[in-house]
Amino acid sequence: MTENTENFEALLNQSLKKIKNFEGKVVNGKVISIDNNHALVDVGLKSEGRISIDELRFCDKEKEIKVGDKIDVFVERIEDKNGEAVLSREKAKKEVAFNSFNESLKKDTPVDGKIYGKVKGGYTVDVDGVITFLPGSQVDVKPIKDINHLVEQKLSFKVIKIDKERGNIVISRKAYLEENLKLNIKDSKKNLKEGKSANGIVKNITDYGAFVDLGTIDGLIHLTDISWKRINHPSDFLKIGQNIKVKILKCNTESNKISLGIKQLSKDPWEKIEKKYKEGKNYSGKVSKITDYGAFIELEDGIEGLIHVSEMTWDKKKTNPSDIVSMGDLVDVTILELDLEKRKLSFRMKKESANPWIKYSKKYKKGKIVDCKVGNITEYGIFVNLEENLDGMVHISDLDWEWDNKSAANFKTGDTVKTIILDVNEEKQRISLGIKQLDDKPFKEKIKDIKIKNVVTCSVIHVKDNGVKVKLDNNLDGFINKENLSMDESEQNPRRYAANEKLDAMIKKIDNESKIVVLSIKEIESKEQKKIKKEFGSLDSGATLGKILGEKKKKKKK
């Protein structure tokens, strides 16, 4: 081998070694041409390499790359199948940036970047032209479904992992926020005072409220604190990314829980409401919600009340509120109740002038005999139809003089029956009727052995608002009026008694018209009082009497 040949081989080896050293390295190259799709870059190899225009635009946002510019590129391979060098501007920037990211990782300092894309498991973030990976779990301190309000915003992150071999840089906004929260918590305690207002950004919306980013800490606006008026869902009022002003209601910086409100920034419409709205007065309102049991009427923003379906119309066949009103309807209402403590309004829509009971109470009087049709049959009696929209009830004890729990089964729906009106309660809108009272012979036979002022044992068969209906041993009906249940007014509530309960009562009189025996417990108590006074000389505030009567009641129940 000649000396020239040896020198050539040495130079060739040196050149090949130099070229191989390019691979996997960042080198400086010169842009020699640019077309619509690529830039051709000369890095001193035997062939140039191509870089896409999109890659250059992403990595060099701050300036436009032109022919003749010198830029750093990463040499991935010396040549591809086309004999061209495989170059990357992005990897060059990332390679250069690795030192900076390593420094940030070691010193635990933040980096700034912008979220611009979504990938499997997370998002891509541009940090000074370097593509980094943000896992979905690292976006925020709390999981959020929608991050649109964060996209293209300049945000701070912490570097949590660097894989130089794979070219991956993993960052975390959550880590930055958690650290920032700890650093700023002292300032938060000073600034986030209950009663103060603050500005924030809606970051997440749930069924029960919305989470608001206050900068250093998150707060929750509960659904009921968004508006004075009724809203069905927070999204009816708020949107993610929306800038809002809130009032701090409760602040617990130790547990990092802050309760916020929006409605509290405006005047409470219920304040001094009693000066504007009065019970019994008529007003106009808008139907804001319809339910199975009625409709909600809004008099003004934040002032809303319920019309129960029973107060919407006199027509009892209309039981579905949506058949009576529609959403948004303007209706005239009367305020039935205004409860300031409970912040509750209840309305009536049906007009008193259209009240059919004014006519019914004149037409149907106690003692009148009427023919009617059997409607609904229950275990406690039968309902009969007197006319359209008007029903009355025959209690099971008023069906037959020898009635039992199966007496209602003797009737069928649609049967025509003759009845007598026993009671008309216009206030309660009820008509009580009887069938057995049409035949007074059994009653006359049964009352032969009844003596006034006798004390008898009877059992409760029907509890009413005005007293208790009872059954005597011979199947006679008895009634104890409310005021005759006790000498003590506090114990004159008929609801204290239950069906089948045994009790003693004194016979006061026989009501031949209603065919019922009138009784009194009060008379027995009075009699007992006289006995005690005679025996002991005085009454100890009713304590002695109460004890005696209490013992008697216990024995009866046994």
Protein backbone atom coordinates (compact mmCIF):
# COMPACT_ATOMS: atom_id res chain seq x y z
CA MET A 1 0.00 0.00 0.00
CA THR A 2 1.47 3.37 -1.09
CA GLU A 3 1.76 6.32 1.20
CA ASN A 4 -0.89 8.28 -0.77
CA THR A 5 -3.34 5.43 -0.45
CA GLU A 6 -2.73 5.22 3.30
CA ASN A 7 -3.23 8.97 3.67
CA PHE A 8 -6.51 8.83 1.66
CA GLU A 9 -7.80 5.97 3.79
CA ALA A 10 -6.92 7.82 6.95
CA LEU A 11 -8.67 10.96 5.73
CA LEU A 12 -11.73 8.90 4.68
CA ASN A 13 -11.93 7.18 8.07
CA GLN A 14 -11.57 10.50 9.81
CA SER A 15 -14.32 11.99 7.63
CA LEU A 16 -16.64 8.99 8.22
CA LYS A 17 -15.96 9.18 11.95
CA LYS A 18 -16.79 12.88 11.91
CA ILE A 19 -20.00 12.21 9.98
CA LYS A 20 -21.02 9.40 12.35
CA ASN A 21 -20.45 11.76 15.29
CA PHE A 22 -23.19 13.97 13.80
CA GLU A 23 -25.85 11.30 14.38
CA GLY A 24 -27.83 11.89 17.59
CA LYS A 25 -26.31 15.32 18.02
CA VAL A 26 -27.41 18.91 17.72
CA VAL A 27 -25.55 20.73 14.96
CA ASN A 28 -25.81 24.14 13.38
CA GLY A 29 -27.15 24.20 9.81
CA LYS A 30 -27.94 26.70 7.10
CA VAL A 31 -31.34 27.03 5.40
CA ILE A 32 -30.60 26.86 1.66
CA SER A 33 -34.16 26.75 0.28
CA ILE A 34 -37.82 26.89 1.35
CA ASP A 35 -40.93 25.69 -0.48
CA ASN A 36 -44.56 25.42 0.62
CA ASN A 37 -44.01 22.30 2.69
CA HIS A 38 -40.32 21.99 3.65
CA ALA A 39 -37.11 23.83 4.34
CA LEU A 40 -33.84 22.34 3.01
CA VAL A 41 -31.03 22.59 5.58
CA ASP A 42 -27.30 22.03 4.97
CA VAL A 43 -25.48 20.72 8.04
CA GLY A 44 -22.14 19.87 6.28
CA LEU A 45 -23.01 16.29 5.39
CA LYS A 46 -22.87 14.80 1.90
CA SER A 47 -26.63 15.54 1.57
CA GLU A 48 -28.98 18.08 2.96
CA GLY A 49 -31.97 17.32 5.16
CA ARG A 50 -35.60 18.45 5.12
CA ILE A 51 -37.68 19.93 7.97
CA SER A 52 -41.41 20.56 7.59
CA ILE A 53 -42.58 24.16 7.57
CA ASP A 54 -45.18 23.29 10.29
CA GLU A 55 -42.42 22.10 12.60
CA LEU A 56 -40.43 25.29 12.04
CA ARG A 57 -43.48 27.47 12.65
CA PHE A 58 -44.26 25.63 15.89
CA CYS A 59 -40.70 25.76 17.21
CA ASP A 60 -39.92 29.29 16.06
CA LYS A 61 -43.08 31.23 16.74
CA GLU A 62 -41.16 34.35 17.59
CA LYS A 63 -39.61 34.73 14.14
CA GLU A 64 -40.05 33.60 10.54
CA ILE A 65 -37.26 31.33 9.23
CA LYS A 66 -35.80 32.55 5.93
CA VAL A 67 -33.26 31.27 3.39
CA GLY A 68 -29.77 31.90 4.69
CA ASP A 69 -30.75 31.68 8.38
CA LYS A 70 -28.61 29.45 10.58
CA ILE A 71 -30.53 27.20 12.97
CA ASP A 72 -29.74 24.34 15.33
CA VAL A 73 -31.12 20.97 14.23
CA PHE A 74 -30.98 17.45 15.63
CA VAL A 75 -29.48 14.81 13.31
CA GLU A 76 -31.59 11.68 13.69
CA ARG A 77 -29.93 9.74 10.85
CA ILE A 78 -27.15 10.52 8.33
CA GLU A 79 -29.39 9.50 5.48
CA ASP A 80 -32.74 7.93 4.82
CA LYS A 81 -33.89 5.73 1.93
CA ASN A 82 -33.78 8.80 -0.32
CA GLY A 83 -30.20 9.56 0.66
CA GLU A 84 -31.20 12.66 2.64
CA ALA A 85 -30.26 13.48 6.22
CA VAL A 86 -33.13 13.09 8.70
CA LEU A 87 -33.26 16.31 10.76
CA SER A 88 -35.53 17.67 13.52
CA ARG A 89 -35.83 21.26 14.71
CA GLU A 90 -38.14 20.23 17.57
CA LYS A 91 -35.71 17.64 18.93
CA ALA A 92 -32.89 20.15 18.69
CA LYS A 93 -34.81 22.61 20.84
CA LYS A 94 -35.76 19.80 23.22
CA GLU A 95 -32.14 18.63 23.39
CA VAL A 96 -30.96 22.13 24.20
CA ALA A 97 -33.85 22.53 26.62
CA PHE A 98 -33.06 19.29 28.47
CA ASN A 99 -30.38 21.08 30.44
CA SER A 100 -32.87 23.79 31.39
CA PHE A 101 -35.52 21.23 32.33
CA ASN A 102 -32.97 19.24 34.34
CA GLU A 103 -32.10 22.41 36.19
CA SER A 104 -35.79 23.06 36.89
CA LEU A 105 -36.25 19.48 38.10
CA LYS A 106 -33.24 19.68 40.44
CA LYS A 107 -34.11 23.10 41.85
CA ASP A 108 -37.87 22.42 41.80
CA THR A 109 -38.58 25.65 39.93
CA PRO A 110 -41.65 26.12 37.68
CA VAL A 111 -41.73 26.39 33.88
CA ASP A 112 -44.33 28.28 31.84
CA GLY A 113 -46.21 26.91 28.89
CA LYS A 114 -49.53 26.62 27.03
CA ILE A 115 -51.82 23.58 26.66
CA TYR A 116 -52.56 23.20 22.96
CA GLY A 117 -53.59 19.59 22.24
CA LYS A 118 -55.10 16.40 23.62
CA VAL A 119 -53.39 13.00 23.44
CA LYS A 120 -54.03 9.61 24.99
CA GLY A 121 -53.87 9.92 28.77
CA GLY A 122 -53.40 13.68 28.85
CA TYR A 123 -52.43 16.82 26.96
CA THR A 124 -49.53 18.34 25.03
CA VAL A 125 -48.02 21.53 26.38
CA ASP A 126 -45.75 23.98 24.52
CA VAL A 127 -42.94 25.15 26.81
CA ASP A 128 -40.82 27.61 24.79
CA GLY A 129 -41.27 25.59 21.62
CA VAL A 130 -40.65 22.24 23.33
CA ILE A 131 -43.50 19.69 23.36
CA THR A 132 -44.07 18.28 26.84
CA PHE A 133 -46.66 15.84 28.23
CA LEU A 134 -49.24 16.77 30.88
CA PRO A 135 -51.05 13.68 32.30
CA GLY A 136 -54.81 14.14 32.76
CA SER A 137 -54.47 13.49 36.49
CA GLN A 138 -51.97 16.36 36.80
CA VAL A 139 -54.10 19.14 35.33
CA ASP A 140 -55.56 20.34 38.62
CA VAL A 141 -55.74 19.65 42.33
CA LYS A 142 -59.23 18.21 41.80
CA PRO A 143 -60.38 16.20 38.77
CA ILE A 144 -62.05 18.39 36.13
CA LYS A 145 -63.99 17.18 33.10
CA ASP A 146 -63.59 20.23 30.87
CA ILE A 147 -60.28 22.11 30.49
CA ASN A 148 -61.31 24.39 27.62
CA HIS A 149 -60.88 27.43 29.87
CA LEU A 150 -57.19 26.49 30.31
CA VAL A 151 -56.30 25.89 26.64
CA GLU A 152 -53.96 28.51 25.11
CA GLN A 153 -53.59 30.19 28.51
CA LYS A 154 -50.13 30.86 29.90
CA LEU A 155 -49.85 28.49 32.87
CA SER A 156 -47.13 27.40 35.27
CA PHE A 157 -46.04 23.77 35.72
CA LYS A 158 -43.55 21.65 37.63
CA VAL A 159 -41.19 19.24 35.83
CA ILE A 160 -41.75 15.82 37.40
CA LYS A 161 -39.95 13.42 35.00
CA ILE A 162 -37.38 13.56 32.15
CA ASP A 163 -36.68 10.63 29.83
CA LYS A 164 -33.92 11.94 27.55
CA GLU A 165 -33.52 8.64 25.72
CA ARG A 166 -37.17 8.67 24.62
CA GLY A 167 -37.30 12.44 24.39
CA ASN A 168 -40.16 12.72 26.91
CA ILE A 169 -40.65 15.51 29.41
CA VAL A 170 -43.53 15.07 31.87
CA ILE A 171 -44.89 18.14 33.68
CA SER A 172 -47.59 18.77 36.32
CA ARG A 173 -49.85 21.75 36.95
CA LYS A 174 -51.27 19.99 40.01
CA ALA A 175 -47.85 19.92 41.70
CA TYR A 176 -47.37 23.63 41.00
CA LEU A 177 -50.83 24.51 42.34
CA GLU A 178 -50.36 22.43 45.51
CA GLU A 179 -47.03 24.07 46.26
CA ASN A 180 -48.35 27.48 45.35
CA LEU A 181 -51.31 26.88 47.65
CA LYS A 182 -49.00 26.13 50.57
CA LEU A 183 -46.89 29.20 49.85
CA ASN A 184 -49.89 31.47 49.57
CA ILE A 185 -52.09 30.03 52.28
CA LYS A 186 -50.94 32.68 54.78
CA ASP A 187 -51.87 35.42 52.34
CA SER A 188 -55.17 33.65 51.70
CA LYS A 189 -55.98 33.78 55.39
CA LYS A 190 -55.47 37.53 55.30
CA ASN A 191 -57.35 38.18 52.06
CA LEU A 192 -60.11 35.54 52.04
CA LYS A 193 -62.21 36.85 54.89
CA GLU A 194 -65.83 35.89 55.43
CA GLY A 195 -68.09 38.61 54.12
CA LYS A 196 -65.57 39.91 51.60
CA SER A 197 -66.00 39.68 47.83
CA ALA A 198 -63.49 38.14 45.41
CA ASN A 199 -63.04 37.49 41.70
CA GLY A 200 -62.64 33.98 40.29
CA ILE A 201 -63.03 31.69 37.29
CA VAL A 202 -65.58 28.89 37.10
CA LYS A 203 -63.51 25.72 36.68
CA ASN A 204 -66.00 22.90 37.18
CA ILE A 205 -69.79 22.48 37.34
CA THR A 206 -71.63 19.66 39.14
CA ASP A 207 -75.30 18.92 39.87
CA TYR A 208 -74.99 20.48 43.32
CA GLY A 209 -72.92 23.57 42.52
CA ALA A 210 -69.84 25.08 40.85
CA PHE A 211 -66.14 25.17 41.79
CA VAL A 212 -64.43 28.52 41.39
CA ASP A 213 -60.68 29.14 41.05
CA LEU A 214 -59.85 32.07 43.32
CA GLY A 215 -56.19 32.09 42.26
CA THR A 216 -54.57 30.35 45.22
CA ILE A 217 -57.46 28.18 46.36
CA ASP A 218 -60.77 26.82 45.07
CA GLY A 219 -64.19 27.59 46.51
CA LEU A 220 -67.64 26.03 46.07
CA ILE A 221 -70.85 27.85 45.20
CA HIS A 222 -73.75 25.64 46.23
CA LEU A 223 -76.74 25.53 43.88
CA THR A 224 -78.91 27.39 46.40
CA ASP A 225 -76.37 30.24 46.67
CA ILE A 226 -76.18 31.02 42.95
CA SER A 227 -79.40 33.02 42.59
CA TRP A 228 -82.31 34.22 44.67
CA LYS A 229 -84.63 32.75 42.04
CA ARG A 230 -85.17 29.01 41.49
CA ILE A 231 -82.68 27.36 39.12
CA ASN A 232 -82.67 23.66 38.25
CA HIS A 233 -78.95 23.28 37.50
CA PRO A 234 -75.83 25.47 37.94
CA SER A 235 -75.24 25.35 34.16
CA ASP A 236 -78.46 27.36 33.73
CA PHE A 237 -76.58 30.30 35.23
CA LEU A 238 -72.83 29.62 34.90
CA LYS A 239 -70.33 28.43 32.27
CA ILE A 240 -66.87 26.91 32.67
CA GLY A 241 -64.18 29.57 32.17
CA GLN A 242 -66.56 32.39 33.12
CA ASN A 243 -65.08 35.23 35.19
CA ILE A 244 -67.39 35.95 38.13
CA LYS A 245 -67.55 37.97 41.31
CA VAL A 246 -68.44 36.05 44.47
CA LYS A 247 -68.95 36.66 48.16
CA ILE A 248 -67.08 34.55 50.72
CA LEU A 249 -69.69 32.98 53.01
CA LYS A 250 -67.54 30.58 55.04
CA CYS A 251 -63.77 30.19 55.05
CA ASN A 252 -61.95 27.25 56.65
CA THR A 253 -58.34 27.63 55.49
CA GLU A 254 -57.19 24.68 57.62
CA SER A 255 -59.29 22.25 55.58
CA ASN A 256 -59.01 24.48 52.47
CA LYS A 257 -62.80 24.62 52.18
CA ILE A 258 -64.41 27.88 51.14
CA SER A 259 -68.14 28.41 50.62
CA LEU A 260 -69.05 31.11 48.13
CA GLY A 261 -72.21 32.85 47.02
CA ILE A 262 -73.32 35.00 44.12
CA LYS A 263 -76.84 35.89 45.21
CA GLN A 264 -75.48 37.40 48.43
CA LEU A 265 -73.91 40.21 46.36
CA SER A 266 -77.41 41.48 45.58
CA LYS A 267 -80.25 42.54 47.85
CA ASP A 268 -82.34 39.76 49.38
CA PRO A 269 -85.79 40.07 47.76
CA TRP A 270 -87.35 38.60 50.94
CA GLU A 271 -86.12 41.55 52.98
CA LYS A 272 -89.16 43.56 54.14
CA ILE A 273 -91.37 41.46 51.84
CA GLU A 274 -94.25 41.77 54.28
CA LYS A 275 -94.54 45.46 53.34
CA LYS A 276 -95.04 44.58 49.70
CA TYR A 277 -97.13 41.39 49.83
CA LYS A 278 -100.05 40.61 52.16
CA GLU A 279 -101.99 37.45 52.98
CA GLY A 280 -105.43 37.47 51.40
CA LYS A 281 -104.44 39.95 48.69
CA ASN A 282 -104.44 39.25 44.95
CA TYR A 283 -101.33 39.43 42.73
CA SER A 284 -100.18 38.45 39.26
CA GLY A 285 -97.34 35.93 38.80
CA LYS A 286 -95.65 33.70 36.26
CA VAL A 287 -95.67 29.88 36.27
CA SER A 288 -92.00 28.95 36.82
CA LYS A 289 -92.26 25.21 37.48
CA ILE A 290 -94.93 22.49 37.26
CA THR A 291 -94.90 19.38 39.45
CA ASP A 292 -97.24 16.43 40.06
CA TYR A 293 -98.69 18.16 43.11
CA GLY A 294 -99.01 21.75 41.89
CA ALA A 295 -97.22 24.68 40.26
CA PHE A 296 -94.68 27.25 41.45
CA ILE A 297 -95.55 30.88 40.78
CA GLU A 298 -92.92 33.63 40.61
CA LEU A 299 -94.13 37.08 41.66
CA GLU A 300 -90.69 38.59 40.95
CA ASP A 301 -87.06 37.43 40.86
CA GLY A 302 -86.47 35.35 43.99
CA ILE A 303 -90.07 35.58 45.26
CA GLU A 304 -91.77 32.29 44.49
CA GLY A 305 -94.49 30.15 46.04
CA LEU A 306 -96.59 27.05 45.47
CA ILE A 307 -100.17 26.60 44.36
CA HIS A 308 -101.22 23.12 45.41
CA VAL A 309 -103.35 21.37 42.80
CA SER A 310 -106.29 21.47 45.25
CA GLU A 311 -106.11 25.28 45.16
CA MET A 312 -105.93 25.57 41.37
CA THR A 313 -109.51 24.75 40.39
CA TRP A 314 -112.86 23.80 41.90
CA ASP A 315 -113.13 21.02 39.29
CA LYS A 316 -112.10 17.89 41.21
CA LYS A 317 -111.75 15.89 38.01
CA LYS A 318 -108.71 17.96 37.04
CA THR A 319 -105.93 16.47 39.15
CA ASN A 320 -102.98 17.07 36.81
CA PRO A 321 -101.55 20.63 37.20
CA SER A 322 -100.18 20.60 33.63
CA ASP A 323 -103.80 20.34 32.38
CA ILE A 324 -104.60 23.59 34.17
CA VAL A 325 -101.51 25.80 33.59
CA SER A 326 -98.46 25.87 31.30
CA MET A 327 -94.88 27.06 31.85
CA GLY A 328 -94.61 30.84 31.53
CA ASP A 329 -98.36 31.49 31.96
CA LEU A 330 -99.30 34.71 33.75
CA VAL A 331 -101.91 33.88 36.40
CA ASP A 332 -103.80 35.78 39.08
CA VAL A 333 -103.30 34.35 42.57
CA THR A 334 -104.29 35.05 46.16
CA ILE A 335 -101.71 34.68 48.93
CA LEU A 336 -102.94 32.09 51.43
CA GLU A 337 -99.83 32.03 53.61
CA LEU A 338 -96.70 34.19 53.90
CA ASP A 339 -94.18 32.54 56.27
CA LEU A 340 -91.20 34.87 56.74
CA GLU A 341 -89.25 32.44 58.93
CA LYS A 342 -89.48 29.56 56.44
CA ARG A 343 -89.42 31.92 53.43
CA LYS A 344 -92.50 30.17 52.17
CA LEU A 345 -95.41 31.41 50.08
CA SER A 346 -98.57 29.48 49.24
CA PHE A 347 -101.22 30.62 46.79
CA ARG A 348 -104.78 29.98 45.68
CA MET A 349 -105.79 30.37 42.04
CA LYS A 350 -109.43 29.31 42.19
CA LYS A 351 -111.82 32.21 42.73
CA GLU A 352 -114.19 32.31 45.70
CA SER A 353 -116.90 33.69 43.42
CA ALA A 354 -116.76 30.42 41.47
CA ASN A 355 -116.92 28.29 44.62
CA PRO A 356 -119.60 25.64 43.94
CA TRP A 357 -119.94 25.01 47.68
CA ILE A 358 -121.85 28.26 48.01
CA LYS A 359 -124.52 26.59 45.88
CA TYR A 360 -124.06 23.11 47.42
CA SER A 361 -124.56 24.35 50.99
CA LYS A 362 -127.87 25.91 49.99
CA LYS A 363 -129.05 22.93 47.94
CA TYR A 364 -128.01 20.12 50.30
CA LYS A 365 -129.26 20.50 53.86
CA LYS A 366 -128.98 18.17 56.82
CA GLY A 367 -131.89 15.69 56.75
CA LYS A 368 -132.51 15.90 53.01
CA ILE A 369 -133.02 12.54 51.25
CA VAL A 370 -131.16 12.18 47.94
CA ASP A 371 -130.65 9.45 45.34
CA CYS A 372 -127.04 9.00 44.22
CA LYS A 373 -124.73 6.52 42.50
CA VAL A 374 -122.06 4.47 44.22
CA GLY A 375 -118.56 5.42 43.07
CA ASN A 376 -115.47 4.29 44.95
CA ILE A 377 -115.74 1.54 47.59
CA THR A 378 -113.22 1.45 50.44
CA GLU A 379 -112.74 -0.53 53.63
CA TYR A 380 -114.05 2.40 55.70
CA GLY A 381 -117.14 3.22 53.60
CA ILE A 382 -118.47 4.12 50.16
CA PHE A 383 -118.22 7.32 48.10
CA VAL A 384 -121.36 8.36 46.25
CA ASN A 385 -121.84 10.86 43.44
CA LEU A 386 -124.48 13.51 44.13
CA GLU A 387 -123.88 15.46 40.90
CA GLU A 388 -121.02 16.32 38.54
CA ASN A 389 -117.89 17.20 40.57
CA LEU A 390 -119.68 16.55 43.88
CA ASP A 391 -119.14 13.39 45.92
CA GLY A 392 -120.25 12.49 49.40
CA MET A 393 -119.26 9.67 51.75
CA VAL A 394 -121.27 7.08 53.67
CA HIS A 395 -119.10 5.84 56.52
CA ILE A 396 -119.16 2.07 57.08
CA SER A 397 -120.95 2.62 60.42
CA ASP A 398 -123.76 4.47 58.61
CA LEU A 399 -124.48 1.71 56.05
CA ASP A 400 -126.52 -0.64 58.24
CA TRP A 401 -127.68 -0.86 61.87
CA GLU A 402 -125.91 -4.23 62.19
CA TRP A 403 -122.78 -3.17 60.30
CA ASP A 404 -119.37 -4.83 60.40
CA ASN A 405 -116.09 -4.43 58.52
CA LYS A 406 -117.51 -6.28 55.49
CA SER A 407 -120.64 -4.12 55.10
CA ALA A 408 -119.17 -2.03 52.24
CA ALA A 409 -118.78 -5.22 50.16
CA ASN A 410 -122.59 -5.37 49.84
CA PHE A 411 -122.44 -2.45 47.39
CA LYS A 412 -121.21 -2.24 43.80
CA THR A 413 -119.90 0.68 41.78
CA GLY A 414 -122.74 2.16 39.74
CA ASP A 415 -125.51 1.08 42.15
CA THR A 416 -128.20 3.69 42.75
CA VAL A 417 -128.78 4.17 46.48
CA LYS A 418 -131.09 6.34 48.59
CA THR A 419 -129.28 8.29 51.29
CA ILE A 420 -129.93 10.97 53.88
CA ILE A 421 -127.59 13.92 54.47
CA LEU A 422 -126.10 13.81 57.97
CA ASP A 423 -123.70 16.75 57.78
CA VAL A 424 -122.53 19.41 55.28
CA ASN A 425 -119.10 20.92 56.04
CA GLU A 426 -118.63 23.84 53.66
CA GLU A 427 -115.21 24.73 55.09
CA LYS A 428 -113.82 21.19 54.64
CA GLN A 429 -115.92 20.71 51.46
CA ARG A 430 -117.34 17.41 52.69
CA ILE A 431 -120.82 15.91 52.75
CA SER A 432 -121.51 13.01 55.10
CA LEU A 433 -124.48 10.76 54.32
CA GLY A 434 -126.19 7.77 55.86
CA ILE A 435 -128.30 4.86 54.63
CA LYS A 436 -129.31 3.13 57.84
CA GLN A 437 -130.81 6.40 59.19
CA LEU A 438 -133.60 6.09 56.60
CA ASP A 439 -135.14 3.34 58.78
CA ASP A 440 -135.76 4.54 62.35
CA LYS A 441 -137.36 1.34 63.68
CA PRO A 442 -134.08 -0.33 64.77
CA PHE A 443 -133.01 2.91 66.43
CA LYS A 444 -136.24 3.14 68.44
CA GLU A 445 -135.82 -0.46 69.60
CA LYS A 446 -132.20 0.03 70.64
CA ILE A 447 -132.75 3.20 72.67
CA LYS A 448 -135.41 1.62 74.91
CA ASP A 449 -132.80 0.54 77.44
CA ILE A 450 -130.77 3.79 77.23
CA LYS A 451 -130.94 6.02 80.30
CA ILE A 452 -129.69 9.58 80.51
CA LYS A 453 -126.62 10.07 82.80
CA ASN A 454 -125.73 6.38 82.65
CA VAL A 455 -122.00 5.72 82.17
CA VAL A 456 -121.39 3.24 79.36
CA THR A 457 -118.33 1.61 77.83
CA CYS A 458 -117.96 2.20 74.10
CA SER A 459 -115.32 1.84 71.37
CA VAL A 460 -114.05 4.45 68.90
CA ILE A 461 -115.11 3.82 65.28
CA HIS A 462 -114.42 7.17 63.59
CA VAL A 463 -112.27 10.18 64.58
CA LYS A 464 -113.51 13.50 63.14
CA ASP A 465 -112.34 17.10 63.42
CA ASN A 466 -115.30 18.02 65.63
CA GLY A 467 -115.34 14.94 67.83
CA VAL A 468 -115.29 11.14 68.12
CA LYS A 469 -117.91 8.72 66.82
CA VAL A 470 -118.28 5.65 69.03
CA LYS A 471 -120.15 2.34 69.06
CA LEU A 472 -122.13 1.24 72.12
CA ASP A 473 -122.58 -2.38 73.18
CA ASN A 474 -126.00 -2.71 71.50
CA ASN A 475 -124.57 -1.44 68.16
CA LEU A 476 -125.97 2.03 68.71
CA ASP A 477 -124.00 4.98 67.36
CA GLY A 478 -122.73 7.54 69.80
CA PHE A 479 -120.92 10.84 69.36
CA ILE A 480 -118.71 12.80 71.76
CA ASN A 481 -118.28 16.42 70.73
CA LYS A 482 -114.80 17.88 70.90
CA GLU A 483 -115.64 20.10 73.91
CA ASN A 484 -116.99 17.07 75.80
CA LEU A 485 -113.84 14.97 75.48
CA SER A 486 -112.25 16.48 78.59
CA MET A 487 -112.51 19.27 81.15
CA ASP A 488 -108.95 20.20 80.21
CA GLU A 489 -108.99 22.20 76.94
CA SER A 490 -105.48 20.95 76.09
CA GLU A 491 -106.89 17.39 75.97
CA GLN A 492 -109.89 18.13 73.77
CA ASN A 493 -108.15 17.05 70.56
CA PRO A 494 -110.08 14.15 68.89
CA ARG A 495 -106.84 12.97 67.27
CA ARG A 496 -105.71 11.73 70.69
CA TYR A 497 -108.02 8.76 70.14
CA ALA A 498 -107.56 5.77 67.84
CA ALA A 499 -110.00 3.37 66.16
CA ASN A 500 -111.19 0.50 68.44
CA GLU A 501 -109.99 2.30 71.57
CA LYS A 502 -112.24 1.57 74.59
CA LEU A 503 -113.48 4.45 76.75
CA ASP A 504 -116.15 5.33 79.31
CA ALA A 505 -118.62 8.13 78.65
CA MET A 506 -121.83 9.45 80.15
CA ILE A 507 -125.07 9.56 78.12
CA LYS A 508 -126.16 13.21 77.83
CA LYS A 509 -129.10 12.97 75.42
CA ILE A 510 -130.63 11.06 72.51
CA ASP A 511 -130.66 12.88 69.15
CA ASN A 512 -133.75 11.44 67.44
CA GLU A 513 -133.26 13.56 64.33
CA SER A 514 -129.72 12.31 63.67
CA LYS A 515 -130.50 8.94 65.28
CA ILE A 516 -127.43 9.02 67.47
CA VAL A 517 -126.64 9.03 71.21
CA VAL A 518 -124.77 12.10 72.50
CA LEU A 519 -122.16 11.29 75.18
CA SER A 520 -119.62 13.09 77.33
CA ILE A 521 -116.36 12.21 79.07
CA LYS A 522 -116.25 15.69 80.57
CA GLU A 523 -119.35 14.90 82.68
CA ILE A 524 -117.59 11.88 84.23
CA GLU A 525 -114.55 13.98 85.10
CA SER A 526 -116.77 16.57 86.73
CA LYS A 527 -118.47 13.85 88.77
CA GLU A 528 -115.09 12.44 89.83
CA GLN A 529 -113.96 15.91 90.87
CA LYS A 530 -116.92 16.29 93.17
CA LYS A 531 -116.16 12.90 94.78
CA ILE A 532 -112.51 13.80 95.35
CA LYS A 533 -113.39 17.20 96.78
CA LYS A 534 -115.88 15.61 99.14
CA GLU A 535 -113.36 12.97 100.21
CA PHE A 536 -110.21 15.12 100.43
CA GLY A 537 -111.71 18.55 101.02
CA SER A 538 -109.88 20.11 98.03
CA LEU A 539 -108.37 19.38 94.60
CA ASP A 540 -104.62 19.38 94.14
CA SER A 541 -104.55 21.25 90.76
CA GLY A 542 -106.22 18.29 89.12
CA ALA A 543 -103.27 16.00 89.91
CA THR A 544 -105.33 13.61 92.03
CA LEU A 545 -108.13 13.51 89.46
CA GLY A 546 -105.67 12.96 86.63
CA LYS A 547 -104.10 10.04 88.46
CA ILE A 548 -107.46 8.36 89.14
CA LEU A 549 -108.73 8.79 85.60
CA GLY A 550 -105.36 7.72 84.20
CA GLU A 551 -105.51 4.46 86.10
CA LYS A 552 -109.05 3.85 84.82
CA LYS A 553 -108.00 4.42 81.20
CA LYS A 554 -105.13 1.95 81.58
CA LYS A 555 -107.50 -0.72 82.85
CA LYS A 556 -109.90 -0.15 79.94
CA LYS A 557 -107.12 -0.50 77.38
CA LYS A 558 -106.06 -3.79 78.97
